[in-house]
N, C-alpha and C. Protein backbone atom coordinates (compact mmCIF):
# COMPACT_ATOMS: atom_id res chain seq x y z
N UNK A 1 178.11 90.44 -106.97
CA UNK A 1 179.15 90.51 -105.96
C UNK A 1 178.58 90.01 -104.63
N UNK A 2 179.31 89.12 -103.94
CA UNK A 2 178.81 88.60 -102.66
C UNK A 2 178.68 89.70 -101.62
N UNK A 3 177.86 89.44 -100.63
CA UNK A 3 177.73 90.36 -99.51
C UNK A 3 179.06 90.46 -98.76
N UNK A 4 179.32 91.62 -98.18
CA UNK A 4 180.46 91.73 -97.27
C UNK A 4 180.11 90.97 -96.00
N UNK A 5 181.11 90.62 -95.18
CA UNK A 5 180.78 89.96 -93.91
C UNK A 5 179.82 90.79 -93.06
N UNK A 6 179.99 92.10 -93.08
CA UNK A 6 179.11 92.97 -92.30
C UNK A 6 177.68 92.96 -92.83
N UNK A 7 177.52 92.97 -94.17
CA UNK A 7 176.19 92.91 -94.77
C UNK A 7 175.52 91.57 -94.46
N UNK A 8 176.28 90.48 -94.58
CA UNK A 8 175.75 89.16 -94.28
C UNK A 8 175.28 89.11 -92.82
N UNK A 9 176.13 89.59 -91.91
CA UNK A 9 175.80 89.57 -90.49
C UNK A 9 174.54 90.40 -90.22
N UNK A 10 174.45 91.59 -90.79
CA UNK A 10 173.29 92.45 -90.56
C UNK A 10 172.01 91.79 -91.07
N UNK A 11 172.08 91.14 -92.22
CA UNK A 11 170.90 90.47 -92.77
C UNK A 11 170.45 89.33 -91.87
N UNK A 12 171.41 88.54 -91.38
CA UNK A 12 171.06 87.39 -90.52
C UNK A 12 170.51 87.86 -89.19
N UNK A 13 171.17 88.85 -88.57
CA UNK A 13 170.69 89.36 -87.29
C UNK A 13 169.29 89.97 -87.46
N UNK A 14 169.03 90.58 -88.60
CA UNK A 14 167.72 91.15 -88.86
C UNK A 14 166.62 90.10 -88.96
N UNK A 15 167.00 88.88 -89.31
CA UNK A 15 166.02 87.79 -89.42
C UNK A 15 165.84 87.04 -88.10
N UNK A 16 166.68 87.33 -87.11
CA UNK A 16 166.61 86.63 -85.82
C UNK A 16 165.43 87.13 -85.00
N UNK A 17 165.06 86.32 -84.03
CA UNK A 17 163.99 86.70 -83.13
C UNK A 17 164.45 87.73 -82.12
N UNK A 18 163.56 88.10 -81.21
CA UNK A 18 163.86 89.11 -80.20
C UNK A 18 165.03 88.69 -79.31
N UNK A 19 165.24 87.38 -79.16
CA UNK A 19 166.34 86.90 -78.32
C UNK A 19 167.67 86.82 -79.09
N UNK A 20 167.66 87.26 -80.35
CA UNK A 20 168.86 87.23 -81.17
C UNK A 20 169.16 85.89 -81.81
N UNK A 21 168.24 84.92 -81.64
CA UNK A 21 168.47 83.58 -82.18
C UNK A 21 167.65 83.36 -83.44
N UNK A 22 168.24 82.60 -84.35
CA UNK A 22 167.53 82.18 -85.55
C UNK A 22 166.61 81.03 -85.21
N UNK A 23 165.59 80.82 -86.01
CA UNK A 23 164.70 79.69 -85.82
C UNK A 23 165.48 78.41 -86.10
N UNK A 24 165.38 77.46 -85.20
CA UNK A 24 166.09 76.20 -85.36
C UNK A 24 165.53 75.44 -86.56
N UNK A 25 166.39 74.57 -87.11
CA UNK A 25 165.99 73.74 -88.24
C UNK A 25 164.72 72.99 -87.88
N UNK A 26 163.79 72.98 -88.81
CA UNK A 26 162.52 72.30 -88.58
C UNK A 26 162.66 70.80 -88.60
N UNK A 27 161.59 70.09 -88.39
CA UNK A 27 161.65 68.64 -88.37
C UNK A 27 162.21 68.11 -89.70
N UNK A 28 163.05 67.13 -89.61
CA UNK A 28 163.66 66.54 -90.78
C UNK A 28 163.99 65.10 -90.45
N UNK A 29 163.80 64.22 -91.41
CA UNK A 29 164.09 62.81 -91.13
C UNK A 29 165.58 62.53 -90.99
N UNK A 30 166.45 63.47 -91.42
CA UNK A 30 167.89 63.23 -91.28
C UNK A 30 168.51 64.02 -90.14
N UNK A 31 167.78 64.95 -89.54
CA UNK A 31 168.33 65.74 -88.44
C UNK A 31 168.44 64.84 -87.21
N UNK A 32 169.60 64.78 -86.54
CA UNK A 32 169.79 63.81 -85.48
C UNK A 32 169.18 64.17 -84.12
N UNK A 33 168.50 65.29 -84.03
CA UNK A 33 167.94 65.70 -82.74
C UNK A 33 166.44 65.90 -82.87
N UNK A 34 165.72 65.66 -81.78
CA UNK A 34 164.28 65.88 -81.80
C UNK A 34 163.99 67.37 -81.73
N UNK A 35 162.91 67.74 -82.36
CA UNK A 35 162.52 69.15 -82.41
C UNK A 35 162.25 69.67 -81.00
N UNK A 36 162.65 70.88 -80.75
CA UNK A 36 162.37 71.53 -79.48
C UNK A 36 163.48 71.37 -78.45
N UNK A 37 164.40 70.45 -78.66
CA UNK A 37 165.44 70.21 -77.68
C UNK A 37 166.65 71.11 -77.84
N UNK A 38 166.80 71.71 -79.00
CA UNK A 38 167.98 72.52 -79.26
C UNK A 38 167.59 73.94 -79.64
N UNK A 39 168.44 74.87 -79.32
CA UNK A 39 168.26 76.24 -79.78
C UNK A 39 169.55 76.66 -80.46
N UNK A 40 169.44 77.54 -81.42
CA UNK A 40 170.64 78.02 -82.10
C UNK A 40 171.40 78.98 -81.20
N UNK A 41 172.69 79.06 -81.42
CA UNK A 41 173.49 80.07 -80.75
C UNK A 41 173.21 81.41 -81.39
N UNK A 42 173.41 82.47 -80.64
CA UNK A 42 173.33 83.80 -81.22
C UNK A 42 174.56 83.96 -82.11
N UNK A 43 174.36 84.44 -83.33
CA UNK A 43 175.46 84.58 -84.27
C UNK A 43 176.42 85.67 -83.80
N UNK A 44 177.69 85.31 -83.66
CA UNK A 44 178.71 86.26 -83.23
C UNK A 44 179.05 87.20 -84.39
N UNK A 45 179.52 88.37 -84.05
CA UNK A 45 179.93 89.35 -85.05
C UNK A 45 181.09 88.80 -85.89
N UNK A 46 181.24 89.27 -87.15
CA UNK A 46 182.34 88.78 -87.98
C UNK A 46 183.70 89.19 -87.41
N UNK A 47 184.68 88.33 -87.61
CA UNK A 47 186.07 88.60 -87.24
C UNK A 47 186.85 88.71 -88.54
N UNK A 48 187.18 89.96 -88.91
CA UNK A 48 187.87 90.21 -90.17
C UNK A 48 189.07 91.11 -89.89
N UNK A 49 190.26 90.72 -90.29
CA UNK A 49 190.58 89.49 -91.01
C UNK A 49 190.49 88.28 -90.09
N UNK A 50 190.24 87.12 -90.69
CA UNK A 50 190.15 85.89 -89.91
C UNK A 50 191.52 85.51 -89.37
N UNK A 51 191.54 84.81 -88.23
CA UNK A 51 192.83 84.34 -87.71
C UNK A 51 193.40 83.27 -88.64
N UNK A 52 194.72 83.16 -88.62
CA UNK A 52 195.38 82.15 -89.44
C UNK A 52 194.96 80.75 -88.99
N UNK A 53 194.89 79.85 -89.96
CA UNK A 53 194.65 78.44 -89.68
C UNK A 53 195.99 77.77 -89.41
N UNK A 54 195.94 76.54 -88.92
CA UNK A 54 197.17 75.77 -88.77
C UNK A 54 197.82 75.66 -90.14
N UNK A 55 199.12 75.96 -90.21
CA UNK A 55 199.83 75.92 -91.49
C UNK A 55 199.85 77.23 -92.24
N UNK A 56 199.36 78.31 -91.63
CA UNK A 56 199.37 79.64 -92.24
C UNK A 56 200.04 80.63 -91.30
N UNK A 57 200.52 81.72 -91.87
CA UNK A 57 201.02 82.83 -91.08
C UNK A 57 202.09 82.45 -90.06
N UNK A 58 202.95 81.53 -90.42
CA UNK A 58 204.02 81.13 -89.51
C UNK A 58 203.65 80.01 -88.56
N UNK A 59 202.36 79.62 -88.54
CA UNK A 59 201.97 78.49 -87.70
C UNK A 59 202.38 77.20 -88.38
N UNK A 60 202.92 76.28 -87.63
CA UNK A 60 203.33 75.00 -88.18
C UNK A 60 202.14 74.19 -88.69
N UNK A 61 202.42 73.34 -89.67
CA UNK A 61 201.39 72.45 -90.22
C UNK A 61 201.64 71.06 -89.66
N UNK A 62 200.66 70.54 -88.93
CA UNK A 62 200.78 69.21 -88.35
C UNK A 62 200.97 68.12 -89.39
N UNK A 63 200.33 68.26 -90.54
CA UNK A 63 200.47 67.25 -91.59
C UNK A 63 201.87 67.31 -92.20
N UNK A 64 202.38 68.49 -92.45
CA UNK A 64 203.71 68.61 -93.05
C UNK A 64 204.80 68.11 -92.10
N UNK A 65 204.59 68.24 -90.79
CA UNK A 65 205.59 67.77 -89.84
C UNK A 65 205.64 66.24 -89.80
N UNK A 66 204.56 65.57 -90.24
CA UNK A 66 204.52 64.11 -90.28
C UNK A 66 203.61 63.69 -91.43
N UNK A 67 204.07 63.85 -92.68
CA UNK A 67 203.20 63.65 -93.84
C UNK A 67 202.65 62.22 -93.99
N UNK A 68 203.31 61.25 -93.39
CA UNK A 68 202.85 59.87 -93.53
C UNK A 68 202.06 59.39 -92.31
N UNK A 69 201.71 60.29 -91.41
CA UNK A 69 200.95 59.92 -90.22
C UNK A 69 199.64 59.23 -90.62
N UNK A 70 199.45 58.03 -90.12
CA UNK A 70 198.22 57.29 -90.37
C UNK A 70 198.07 56.78 -91.79
N UNK A 71 199.13 56.84 -92.58
CA UNK A 71 199.02 56.48 -94.01
C UNK A 71 198.59 55.02 -94.18
N UNK A 72 197.55 54.82 -94.95
CA UNK A 72 197.13 53.48 -95.36
C UNK A 72 197.66 53.18 -96.77
N UNK A 73 197.76 54.25 -97.57
CA UNK A 73 198.24 54.15 -98.95
C UNK A 73 198.91 55.47 -99.30
N UNK A 74 199.89 55.42 -100.19
CA UNK A 74 200.49 56.65 -100.68
C UNK A 74 201.14 56.40 -102.03
N UNK A 75 201.34 57.50 -102.75
CA UNK A 75 202.19 57.47 -103.94
C UNK A 75 203.15 58.65 -103.80
N UNK A 76 203.78 59.06 -104.88
CA UNK A 76 204.78 60.11 -104.73
C UNK A 76 204.20 61.45 -104.32
N UNK A 77 202.89 61.68 -104.53
CA UNK A 77 202.31 63.01 -104.27
C UNK A 77 201.11 63.01 -103.34
N UNK A 78 200.54 61.86 -103.04
CA UNK A 78 199.29 61.79 -102.26
C UNK A 78 199.39 60.77 -101.14
N UNK A 79 198.62 61.01 -100.08
CA UNK A 79 198.50 60.07 -98.95
C UNK A 79 197.02 59.87 -98.68
N UNK A 80 196.65 58.61 -98.45
CA UNK A 80 195.29 58.29 -97.99
C UNK A 80 195.41 57.67 -96.61
N UNK A 81 194.75 58.26 -95.63
CA UNK A 81 194.76 57.77 -94.25
C UNK A 81 193.36 57.31 -93.88
N UNK A 82 193.28 56.20 -93.18
CA UNK A 82 191.99 55.69 -92.72
C UNK A 82 191.85 55.89 -91.22
N UNK A 83 190.66 56.26 -90.79
CA UNK A 83 190.40 56.46 -89.37
C UNK A 83 189.99 55.14 -88.73
N UNK A 84 190.50 54.90 -87.53
CA UNK A 84 190.15 53.70 -86.78
C UNK A 84 189.16 54.01 -85.67
N UNK A 85 188.79 55.25 -85.51
CA UNK A 85 187.91 55.64 -84.42
C UNK A 85 186.76 56.48 -84.97
N UNK A 86 185.73 55.80 -85.43
CA UNK A 86 184.58 56.49 -86.01
C UNK A 86 183.33 55.62 -85.85
N UNK A 87 182.18 56.22 -86.08
CA UNK A 87 180.93 55.49 -85.91
C UNK A 87 180.19 55.21 -87.20
N UNK A 88 180.79 55.44 -88.35
CA UNK A 88 180.13 55.18 -89.63
C UNK A 88 180.77 53.95 -90.28
N UNK A 89 180.33 53.62 -91.48
CA UNK A 89 180.87 52.42 -92.12
C UNK A 89 182.32 52.57 -92.56
N UNK A 90 182.75 53.78 -92.87
CA UNK A 90 184.15 54.02 -93.22
C UNK A 90 184.42 55.52 -93.12
N UNK A 91 185.66 55.85 -92.72
CA UNK A 91 186.09 57.24 -92.67
C UNK A 91 187.54 57.27 -93.11
N UNK A 92 187.83 58.04 -94.15
CA UNK A 92 189.19 58.17 -94.63
C UNK A 92 189.45 59.59 -95.10
N UNK A 93 190.74 59.90 -95.28
CA UNK A 93 191.14 61.25 -95.67
C UNK A 93 192.21 61.18 -96.74
N UNK A 94 192.03 61.95 -97.81
CA UNK A 94 193.01 62.07 -98.88
C UNK A 94 193.70 63.43 -98.75
N UNK A 95 195.04 63.42 -98.79
CA UNK A 95 195.82 64.65 -98.63
C UNK A 95 196.98 64.67 -99.61
N UNK A 96 197.32 65.84 -100.14
CA UNK A 96 198.57 65.92 -100.91
C UNK A 96 199.74 65.91 -99.94
N UNK A 97 200.87 65.37 -100.38
CA UNK A 97 202.07 65.42 -99.53
C UNK A 97 202.58 66.85 -99.41
N UNK A 98 202.48 67.62 -100.48
CA UNK A 98 202.91 69.02 -100.47
C UNK A 98 201.89 69.86 -99.70
N UNK A 99 202.36 70.93 -99.11
CA UNK A 99 201.48 71.84 -98.37
C UNK A 99 200.69 72.69 -99.37
N UNK A 100 199.54 72.18 -99.78
CA UNK A 100 198.68 72.84 -100.76
C UNK A 100 197.26 72.85 -100.25
N UNK A 101 196.52 73.89 -100.58
CA UNK A 101 195.07 73.89 -100.38
C UNK A 101 194.45 73.72 -101.76
N UNK A 102 193.17 73.57 -101.84
CA UNK A 102 192.53 73.21 -103.11
C UNK A 102 192.80 74.25 -104.20
N UNK A 103 192.81 75.52 -103.84
CA UNK A 103 193.07 76.56 -104.82
C UNK A 103 194.51 76.65 -105.28
N UNK A 104 195.41 75.94 -104.58
CA UNK A 104 196.84 75.94 -104.91
C UNK A 104 197.21 74.81 -105.88
N UNK A 105 196.29 73.87 -106.13
CA UNK A 105 196.62 72.70 -106.95
C UNK A 105 196.90 73.10 -108.39
N UNK A 106 198.00 72.60 -108.94
CA UNK A 106 198.22 72.78 -110.37
C UNK A 106 197.36 71.76 -111.11
N UNK A 107 197.34 71.81 -112.43
CA UNK A 107 196.47 70.93 -113.21
C UNK A 107 196.79 69.45 -112.97
N UNK A 108 198.07 69.15 -112.79
CA UNK A 108 198.44 67.75 -112.57
C UNK A 108 197.91 67.23 -111.24
N UNK A 109 198.09 68.01 -110.17
CA UNK A 109 197.53 67.62 -108.87
C UNK A 109 196.01 67.52 -108.95
N UNK A 110 195.38 68.50 -109.60
CA UNK A 110 193.92 68.50 -109.69
C UNK A 110 193.41 67.28 -110.44
N UNK A 111 194.07 66.93 -111.52
CA UNK A 111 193.68 65.75 -112.29
C UNK A 111 193.84 64.49 -111.47
N UNK A 112 194.98 64.36 -110.79
CA UNK A 112 195.22 63.19 -109.94
C UNK A 112 194.18 63.10 -108.83
N UNK A 113 193.84 64.25 -108.23
CA UNK A 113 192.86 64.26 -107.16
C UNK A 113 191.52 63.74 -107.64
N UNK A 114 191.09 64.17 -108.81
CA UNK A 114 189.81 63.70 -109.35
C UNK A 114 189.79 62.20 -109.55
N UNK A 115 190.86 61.67 -110.11
CA UNK A 115 190.95 60.22 -110.32
C UNK A 115 190.96 59.49 -108.99
N UNK A 116 191.73 60.00 -108.02
CA UNK A 116 191.79 59.34 -106.72
C UNK A 116 190.45 59.38 -105.99
N UNK A 117 189.72 60.48 -106.09
CA UNK A 117 188.40 60.55 -105.46
C UNK A 117 187.52 59.42 -105.98
N UNK A 118 187.51 59.22 -107.28
CA UNK A 118 186.68 58.17 -107.87
C UNK A 118 187.16 56.79 -107.42
N UNK A 119 188.46 56.55 -107.43
CA UNK A 119 188.98 55.25 -107.02
C UNK A 119 188.69 54.95 -105.55
N UNK A 120 188.85 55.96 -104.71
CA UNK A 120 188.58 55.76 -103.28
C UNK A 120 187.10 55.49 -103.06
N UNK A 121 186.24 56.25 -103.70
CA UNK A 121 184.80 56.04 -103.55
C UNK A 121 184.42 54.63 -103.98
N UNK A 122 184.94 54.18 -105.10
CA UNK A 122 184.65 52.82 -105.58
C UNK A 122 185.14 51.76 -104.59
N UNK A 123 186.36 51.96 -104.08
CA UNK A 123 186.93 50.99 -103.14
C UNK A 123 186.11 50.92 -101.85
N UNK A 124 185.63 52.05 -101.38
CA UNK A 124 184.81 52.06 -100.16
C UNK A 124 183.47 51.38 -100.44
N UNK A 125 182.82 51.71 -101.54
CA UNK A 125 181.54 51.06 -101.87
C UNK A 125 181.70 49.55 -101.99
N UNK A 126 182.86 49.10 -102.51
CA UNK A 126 183.10 47.66 -102.69
C UNK A 126 183.22 46.92 -101.37
N UNK A 127 183.35 47.62 -100.24
CA UNK A 127 183.40 46.95 -98.95
C UNK A 127 182.09 46.21 -98.67
N UNK A 128 181.00 46.69 -99.27
CA UNK A 128 179.70 46.08 -99.06
C UNK A 128 178.93 46.78 -97.95
N UNK A 129 177.64 46.72 -98.03
CA UNK A 129 176.73 47.30 -97.04
C UNK A 129 176.89 48.81 -96.90
N UNK A 130 177.30 49.47 -97.98
CA UNK A 130 177.48 50.93 -97.98
C UNK A 130 176.31 51.55 -98.73
N UNK A 131 175.63 52.50 -98.08
CA UNK A 131 174.54 53.19 -98.75
C UNK A 131 175.06 54.27 -99.69
N UNK A 132 175.92 55.12 -99.19
CA UNK A 132 176.54 56.20 -99.98
C UNK A 132 177.90 56.52 -99.38
N UNK A 133 178.76 57.10 -100.22
CA UNK A 133 180.04 57.63 -99.76
C UNK A 133 179.99 59.14 -100.00
N UNK A 134 180.12 59.89 -98.92
CA UNK A 134 180.12 61.35 -99.01
C UNK A 134 181.56 61.85 -99.03
N UNK A 135 181.86 62.76 -99.94
CA UNK A 135 183.19 63.35 -100.06
C UNK A 135 183.07 64.81 -99.65
N UNK A 136 183.84 65.19 -98.64
CA UNK A 136 183.72 66.53 -98.08
C UNK A 136 185.07 67.24 -98.08
N UNK A 137 185.03 68.54 -98.33
CA UNK A 137 186.23 69.37 -98.21
C UNK A 137 185.90 70.47 -97.21
N UNK A 138 186.44 70.32 -96.01
CA UNK A 138 186.38 71.39 -95.03
C UNK A 138 187.78 71.95 -94.92
N UNK A 139 187.98 73.00 -94.24
CA UNK A 139 189.33 73.52 -94.15
C UNK A 139 189.46 74.70 -93.22
N UNK A 140 188.53 74.87 -92.30
CA UNK A 140 188.62 76.02 -91.40
C UNK A 140 189.67 75.84 -90.32
N UNK A 141 190.08 74.59 -90.05
CA UNK A 141 191.06 74.37 -89.01
C UNK A 141 192.49 74.31 -89.52
N UNK A 142 192.67 73.86 -90.74
CA UNK A 142 194.01 73.70 -91.28
C UNK A 142 194.10 74.08 -92.73
N UNK A 143 195.27 74.61 -93.13
CA UNK A 143 195.47 75.07 -94.49
C UNK A 143 195.96 73.97 -95.42
N UNK A 144 196.22 72.78 -94.91
CA UNK A 144 196.68 71.65 -95.73
C UNK A 144 195.42 70.92 -96.22
N UNK A 145 195.25 70.85 -97.54
CA UNK A 145 194.07 70.23 -98.13
C UNK A 145 193.85 68.83 -97.57
N UNK A 146 192.63 68.56 -97.17
CA UNK A 146 192.25 67.22 -96.74
C UNK A 146 190.80 66.98 -97.15
N UNK A 147 190.60 65.95 -97.97
CA UNK A 147 189.26 65.55 -98.39
C UNK A 147 188.83 64.38 -97.52
N UNK A 148 187.64 64.48 -96.96
CA UNK A 148 187.14 63.45 -96.05
C UNK A 148 186.11 62.59 -96.75
N UNK A 149 186.24 61.29 -96.60
CA UNK A 149 185.32 60.30 -97.17
C UNK A 149 184.56 59.66 -96.01
N UNK A 150 183.25 59.85 -95.98
CA UNK A 150 182.40 59.28 -94.94
C UNK A 150 181.40 58.33 -95.61
N UNK A 151 181.39 57.08 -95.18
CA UNK A 151 180.48 56.09 -95.77
C UNK A 151 179.31 55.87 -94.83
N UNK A 152 178.12 56.01 -95.40
CA UNK A 152 176.89 55.76 -94.63
C UNK A 152 176.50 54.29 -94.78
N UNK A 153 176.14 53.64 -93.67
CA UNK A 153 175.69 52.26 -93.76
C UNK A 153 174.42 52.14 -94.60
N UNK A 154 174.35 51.11 -95.41
CA UNK A 154 173.16 50.87 -96.23
C UNK A 154 171.94 50.72 -95.33
N UNK A 155 170.84 51.27 -95.79
CA UNK A 155 169.57 51.11 -95.09
C UNK A 155 169.32 52.09 -93.96
N UNK A 156 170.34 52.74 -93.44
CA UNK A 156 170.16 53.69 -92.35
C UNK A 156 169.87 55.06 -92.94
N UNK A 157 168.65 55.21 -93.41
CA UNK A 157 168.25 56.41 -94.14
C UNK A 157 168.25 57.66 -93.27
N UNK A 158 168.12 57.48 -91.98
CA UNK A 158 168.13 58.62 -91.08
C UNK A 158 169.51 59.30 -91.07
N UNK A 159 170.54 58.59 -91.51
CA UNK A 159 171.90 59.15 -91.53
C UNK A 159 172.24 59.80 -92.86
N UNK A 160 171.26 59.90 -93.77
CA UNK A 160 171.53 60.46 -95.10
C UNK A 160 171.93 61.92 -95.03
N UNK A 161 172.72 62.30 -96.04
CA UNK A 161 172.93 63.71 -96.34
C UNK A 161 173.83 64.48 -95.41
N UNK A 162 173.55 65.78 -95.36
CA UNK A 162 174.44 66.74 -94.72
C UNK A 162 174.51 66.61 -93.21
N UNK A 163 173.62 65.87 -92.59
CA UNK A 163 173.66 65.72 -91.13
C UNK A 163 174.54 64.55 -90.69
N UNK A 164 175.09 63.77 -91.63
CA UNK A 164 175.94 62.65 -91.24
C UNK A 164 177.09 63.09 -90.32
N UNK A 165 177.78 64.21 -90.61
CA UNK A 165 178.83 64.63 -89.67
C UNK A 165 178.30 64.93 -88.27
N UNK A 166 177.04 65.38 -88.15
CA UNK A 166 176.46 65.60 -86.83
C UNK A 166 176.24 64.28 -86.10
N UNK A 167 175.82 63.26 -86.84
CA UNK A 167 175.66 61.93 -86.24
C UNK A 167 176.98 61.39 -85.73
N UNK A 168 178.09 61.76 -86.38
CA UNK A 168 179.40 61.28 -85.94
C UNK A 168 179.69 61.67 -84.49
N UNK A 169 179.07 62.73 -84.02
CA UNK A 169 179.31 63.18 -82.65
C UNK A 169 178.68 62.26 -81.61
N UNK A 170 177.73 61.41 -82.04
CA UNK A 170 177.00 60.60 -81.06
C UNK A 170 177.05 59.10 -81.35
N UNK A 171 177.41 58.68 -82.55
CA UNK A 171 177.45 57.25 -82.87
C UNK A 171 178.64 56.60 -82.18
N UNK A 172 178.45 55.41 -81.60
CA UNK A 172 179.59 54.72 -80.99
C UNK A 172 180.53 54.22 -82.07
N UNK A 173 181.82 54.08 -81.76
CA UNK A 173 182.78 53.64 -82.77
C UNK A 173 182.56 52.20 -83.20
N UNK A 174 182.88 51.92 -84.46
CA UNK A 174 182.83 50.54 -84.96
C UNK A 174 183.97 49.78 -84.28
N UNK A 175 183.86 48.48 -84.18
CA UNK A 175 184.96 47.71 -83.59
C UNK A 175 186.25 47.94 -84.37
N UNK A 176 187.36 48.07 -83.65
CA UNK A 176 188.65 48.40 -84.25
C UNK A 176 189.07 47.39 -85.30
N UNK A 177 188.78 46.11 -85.08
CA UNK A 177 189.19 45.09 -86.05
C UNK A 177 188.45 45.25 -87.37
N UNK A 178 187.21 45.71 -87.33
CA UNK A 178 186.46 45.96 -88.57
C UNK A 178 187.06 47.17 -89.28
N UNK A 179 187.31 48.25 -88.53
CA UNK A 179 187.89 49.46 -89.13
C UNK A 179 189.22 49.15 -89.78
N UNK A 180 190.07 48.39 -89.10
CA UNK A 180 191.39 48.08 -89.64
C UNK A 180 191.30 47.19 -90.88
N UNK A 181 190.40 46.23 -90.88
CA UNK A 181 190.22 45.37 -92.06
C UNK A 181 189.76 46.20 -93.25
N UNK A 182 188.81 47.10 -93.01
CA UNK A 182 188.30 47.94 -94.10
C UNK A 182 189.38 48.87 -94.64
N UNK A 183 190.21 49.42 -93.76
CA UNK A 183 191.31 50.29 -94.20
C UNK A 183 192.27 49.49 -95.08
N UNK A 184 192.63 48.29 -94.66
CA UNK A 184 193.52 47.44 -95.47
C UNK A 184 192.91 47.14 -96.83
N UNK A 185 191.62 46.87 -96.86
CA UNK A 185 190.95 46.54 -98.12
C UNK A 185 190.97 47.73 -99.08
N UNK A 186 190.66 48.92 -98.58
CA UNK A 186 190.66 50.11 -99.43
C UNK A 186 192.07 50.43 -99.88
N UNK A 187 193.05 50.34 -98.99
CA UNK A 187 194.44 50.61 -99.37
C UNK A 187 194.91 49.63 -100.43
N UNK A 188 194.53 48.37 -100.30
CA UNK A 188 194.89 47.37 -101.29
C UNK A 188 194.29 47.66 -102.65
N UNK A 189 193.03 48.11 -102.66
CA UNK A 189 192.37 48.45 -103.92
C UNK A 189 193.07 49.64 -104.58
N UNK A 190 193.49 50.61 -103.80
CA UNK A 190 194.21 51.76 -104.37
C UNK A 190 195.56 51.32 -104.92
N UNK A 191 196.25 50.43 -104.22
CA UNK A 191 197.58 49.98 -104.65
C UNK A 191 197.52 49.19 -105.96
N UNK A 192 196.37 48.65 -106.30
CA UNK A 192 196.23 47.96 -107.59
C UNK A 192 196.46 48.90 -108.77
N UNK A 193 196.29 50.20 -108.53
CA UNK A 193 196.48 51.21 -109.58
C UNK A 193 197.83 51.92 -109.45
N UNK A 194 198.64 51.55 -108.48
CA UNK A 194 199.92 52.20 -108.24
C UNK A 194 200.04 52.64 -106.81
N UNK A 195 201.19 53.15 -106.46
CA UNK A 195 201.43 53.55 -105.08
C UNK A 195 201.65 52.34 -104.20
N UNK A 196 201.65 52.58 -102.88
CA UNK A 196 202.00 51.54 -101.93
C UNK A 196 200.97 51.49 -100.80
N UNK A 197 200.48 50.28 -100.50
CA UNK A 197 199.64 50.08 -99.32
C UNK A 197 200.56 49.95 -98.11
N UNK A 198 200.25 50.63 -97.02
CA UNK A 198 201.11 50.63 -95.83
C UNK A 198 200.51 49.83 -94.68
N UNK A 199 199.38 49.22 -94.88
CA UNK A 199 198.71 48.48 -93.80
C UNK A 199 198.48 47.04 -94.24
């Protein structure tokens, strides 16, 4: 059985130093900051029950209010949107049209999602000069499922792995014309299997 939030908090606070801070991540070739420049925040006490996310507890869902916002490709049940303002080789998001989170997917949605993840990853890699495509599912801000695809440029090994989202905070954006061309290319590749490219 997992720890309760209170047990987790007590264990972490017990491991902190006298100032209440945990030891910062040690040197790593993928960590975007030099050692010694950052300190961890003191861990705040748990908030239970957690506040509702966007799209829960009567809060409106921004995606449901405009399900085709930013759509590069869609079919009857899914939308793929490409970001034009990012600092990596590609950034896109796959979302169901219905207001569902990952645990709400029926077998048909789940099966379609798996196939689409593979097709999107292949289409992004086919752009060229891509080292890896990372597929992420976060969801602390909104209850509408959104899978994020982040492509790391080939050869930039310092951007590997779990710190790539941290690098996004400091990398300058790619030129808009490159981002838009890549979005059109990925949308076109998806449309070869069905659905409609919108760009």
